[in-house]
N, C-alpha and C. Protein backbone atom coordinates (compact mmCIF):
# COMPACT_ATOMS: atom_id res chain seq x y z
N MET A 1 10.77 8.52 -39.55
CA MET A 1 11.11 8.29 -38.16
C MET A 1 9.85 8.40 -37.30
N VAL A 2 9.70 7.49 -36.37
CA VAL A 2 8.54 7.46 -35.49
C VAL A 2 8.86 8.22 -34.21
N ASP A 3 7.96 9.11 -33.84
CA ASP A 3 8.14 9.89 -32.62
C ASP A 3 7.38 9.19 -31.49
N LEU A 4 8.12 8.62 -30.52
CA LEU A 4 7.50 7.91 -29.41
C LEU A 4 7.47 8.81 -28.18
N LYS A 5 6.34 8.81 -27.51
CA LYS A 5 6.21 9.59 -26.28
C LYS A 5 6.11 8.63 -25.11
N VAL A 6 6.82 8.94 -24.05
CA VAL A 6 6.83 8.12 -22.85
C VAL A 6 5.67 8.55 -21.96
N ARG A 7 4.94 7.57 -21.48
CA ARG A 7 3.84 7.86 -20.56
C ARG A 7 4.36 7.76 -19.14
N ARG A 8 4.82 8.86 -18.61
CA ARG A 8 5.45 8.88 -17.29
C ARG A 8 4.48 8.55 -16.17
N SER A 9 3.22 8.87 -16.35
CA SER A 9 2.26 8.59 -15.28
C SER A 9 2.12 7.09 -15.05
N ILE A 10 2.25 6.29 -16.10
CA ILE A 10 2.18 4.84 -15.93
C ILE A 10 3.40 4.34 -15.17
N LYS A 11 4.58 4.81 -15.54
CA LYS A 11 5.79 4.41 -14.83
C LYS A 11 5.70 4.78 -13.36
N ASP A 12 5.22 5.98 -13.08
CA ASP A 12 5.11 6.44 -11.71
C ASP A 12 4.11 5.60 -10.92
N SER A 13 2.98 5.28 -11.52
CA SER A 13 1.97 4.53 -10.79
C SER A 13 2.44 3.10 -10.50
N VAL A 14 3.18 2.50 -11.41
CA VAL A 14 3.71 1.15 -11.17
C VAL A 14 4.70 1.20 -10.00
N PHE A 15 5.61 2.16 -10.01
CA PHE A 15 6.58 2.31 -8.93
C PHE A 15 5.88 2.57 -7.60
N THR A 16 4.92 3.48 -7.61
CA THR A 16 4.20 3.85 -6.39
C THR A 16 3.42 2.67 -5.83
N ASN A 17 2.72 1.95 -6.68
CA ASN A 17 1.94 0.80 -6.21
C ASN A 17 2.84 -0.32 -5.70
N LEU A 18 3.93 -0.56 -6.39
CA LEU A 18 4.82 -1.64 -6.00
C LEU A 18 5.49 -1.36 -4.66
N PHE A 19 6.02 -0.16 -4.49
CA PHE A 19 6.78 0.14 -3.28
C PHE A 19 5.94 0.76 -2.16
N SER A 20 4.63 0.79 -2.30
CA SER A 20 3.78 1.14 -1.16
C SER A 20 3.57 -0.08 -0.27
N ASN A 21 3.99 -1.23 -0.75
CA ASN A 21 3.95 -2.48 0.01
C ASN A 21 5.30 -2.62 0.73
N LYS A 22 5.27 -2.73 2.05
CA LYS A 22 6.51 -2.77 2.83
C LYS A 22 7.38 -3.97 2.49
N LYS A 23 6.79 -5.07 2.07
CA LYS A 23 7.56 -6.26 1.70
C LYS A 23 8.49 -5.95 0.52
N TYR A 24 7.96 -5.27 -0.48
CA TYR A 24 8.76 -4.94 -1.65
C TYR A 24 9.74 -3.80 -1.36
N THR A 25 9.35 -2.89 -0.49
CA THR A 25 10.25 -1.81 -0.10
C THR A 25 11.46 -2.38 0.64
N LEU A 26 11.24 -3.38 1.48
CA LEU A 26 12.34 -4.03 2.18
C LEU A 26 13.27 -4.72 1.19
N LYS A 27 12.72 -5.38 0.19
CA LYS A 27 13.55 -6.04 -0.82
C LYS A 27 14.39 -5.02 -1.60
N LEU A 28 13.80 -3.86 -1.91
CA LEU A 28 14.55 -2.80 -2.58
C LEU A 28 15.68 -2.31 -1.69
N TYR A 29 15.39 -2.08 -0.41
CA TYR A 29 16.42 -1.63 0.52
C TYR A 29 17.56 -2.65 0.61
N GLN A 30 17.21 -3.92 0.69
CA GLN A 30 18.22 -4.98 0.77
C GLN A 30 19.08 -5.03 -0.49
N ALA A 31 18.49 -4.74 -1.64
CA ALA A 31 19.26 -4.73 -2.88
C ALA A 31 20.20 -3.53 -2.94
N LEU A 32 19.76 -2.40 -2.41
CA LEU A 32 20.59 -1.19 -2.45
C LEU A 32 21.65 -1.15 -1.36
N PHE A 33 21.35 -1.71 -0.20
CA PHE A 33 22.26 -1.69 0.94
C PHE A 33 22.44 -3.09 1.50
N PRO A 34 23.10 -3.98 0.79
CA PRO A 34 23.23 -5.37 1.25
C PRO A 34 24.01 -5.52 2.56
N GLU A 35 24.84 -4.56 2.89
CA GLU A 35 25.65 -4.66 4.11
C GLU A 35 24.84 -4.32 5.37
N ASN A 36 23.67 -3.70 5.24
CA ASN A 36 22.89 -3.25 6.40
C ASN A 36 21.56 -3.98 6.54
N THR A 37 21.44 -5.18 6.03
CA THR A 37 20.12 -5.79 5.96
C THR A 37 19.78 -6.76 7.08
N GLU A 38 20.71 -7.18 7.88
CA GLU A 38 20.39 -8.21 8.86
C GLU A 38 19.49 -7.72 9.99
N ASP A 39 19.49 -6.44 10.31
CA ASP A 39 18.70 -5.94 11.43
C ASP A 39 17.42 -5.23 11.00
N ILE A 40 17.18 -5.09 9.72
CA ILE A 40 16.04 -4.34 9.22
C ILE A 40 14.86 -5.29 8.98
N THR A 41 13.68 -4.89 9.47
CA THR A 41 12.46 -5.66 9.24
C THR A 41 11.41 -4.74 8.61
N GLU A 42 10.29 -5.32 8.20
CA GLU A 42 9.20 -4.52 7.63
C GLU A 42 8.67 -3.51 8.65
N ASP A 43 8.74 -3.84 9.93
CA ASP A 43 8.26 -2.92 10.97
C ASP A 43 9.13 -1.68 11.10
N ASP A 44 10.36 -1.74 10.64
CA ASP A 44 11.27 -0.60 10.69
C ASP A 44 11.03 0.40 9.56
N ILE A 45 10.25 0.02 8.58
CA ILE A 45 10.05 0.84 7.38
C ILE A 45 8.83 1.73 7.55
N ASP A 46 9.00 3.01 7.27
CA ASP A 46 7.90 3.97 7.22
C ASP A 46 7.77 4.45 5.79
N ILE A 47 6.59 4.33 5.22
CA ILE A 47 6.34 4.81 3.86
C ILE A 47 5.95 6.28 3.98
N ILE A 48 6.79 7.15 3.46
CA ILE A 48 6.55 8.59 3.51
C ILE A 48 6.41 9.08 2.08
N THR A 49 5.27 9.69 1.79
CA THR A 49 5.04 10.23 0.46
C THR A 49 4.87 11.74 0.54
N LEU A 50 4.98 12.38 -0.57
CA LEU A 50 4.80 13.83 -0.61
C LEU A 50 3.38 14.19 -0.19
N GLY A 51 2.41 13.37 -0.60
CA GLY A 51 1.03 13.61 -0.19
C GLY A 51 0.85 13.56 1.31
N ASN A 52 1.51 12.60 1.96
CA ASN A 52 1.43 12.50 3.43
C ASN A 52 2.00 13.74 4.10
N ILE A 53 3.09 14.22 3.59
CA ILE A 53 3.75 15.40 4.18
C ILE A 53 2.87 16.64 4.01
N LEU A 54 2.31 16.83 2.82
CA LEU A 54 1.48 18.01 2.57
C LEU A 54 0.18 17.99 3.38
N ARG A 55 -0.40 16.82 3.58
CA ARG A 55 -1.64 16.71 4.35
C ARG A 55 -1.42 16.94 5.84
N ASN A 56 -0.22 16.62 6.34
CA ASN A 56 0.05 16.74 7.77
C ASN A 56 0.44 18.15 8.19
N HIS A 57 0.70 19.03 7.24
CA HIS A 57 1.12 20.40 7.61
C HIS A 57 0.09 21.40 7.22
């Protein structure tokens, strides 16, 4: 039997890089909440990360 290890840092970096772009974040929001998408624009989206929160306090 082969023991496979998952490289979580790669998965995290792909997710982080993809959704740090407001265009893709808006598409994700529209997929998750299709009933609330007509009034939401890229300007309404704020990207908040744990790093941003820790640096601001």
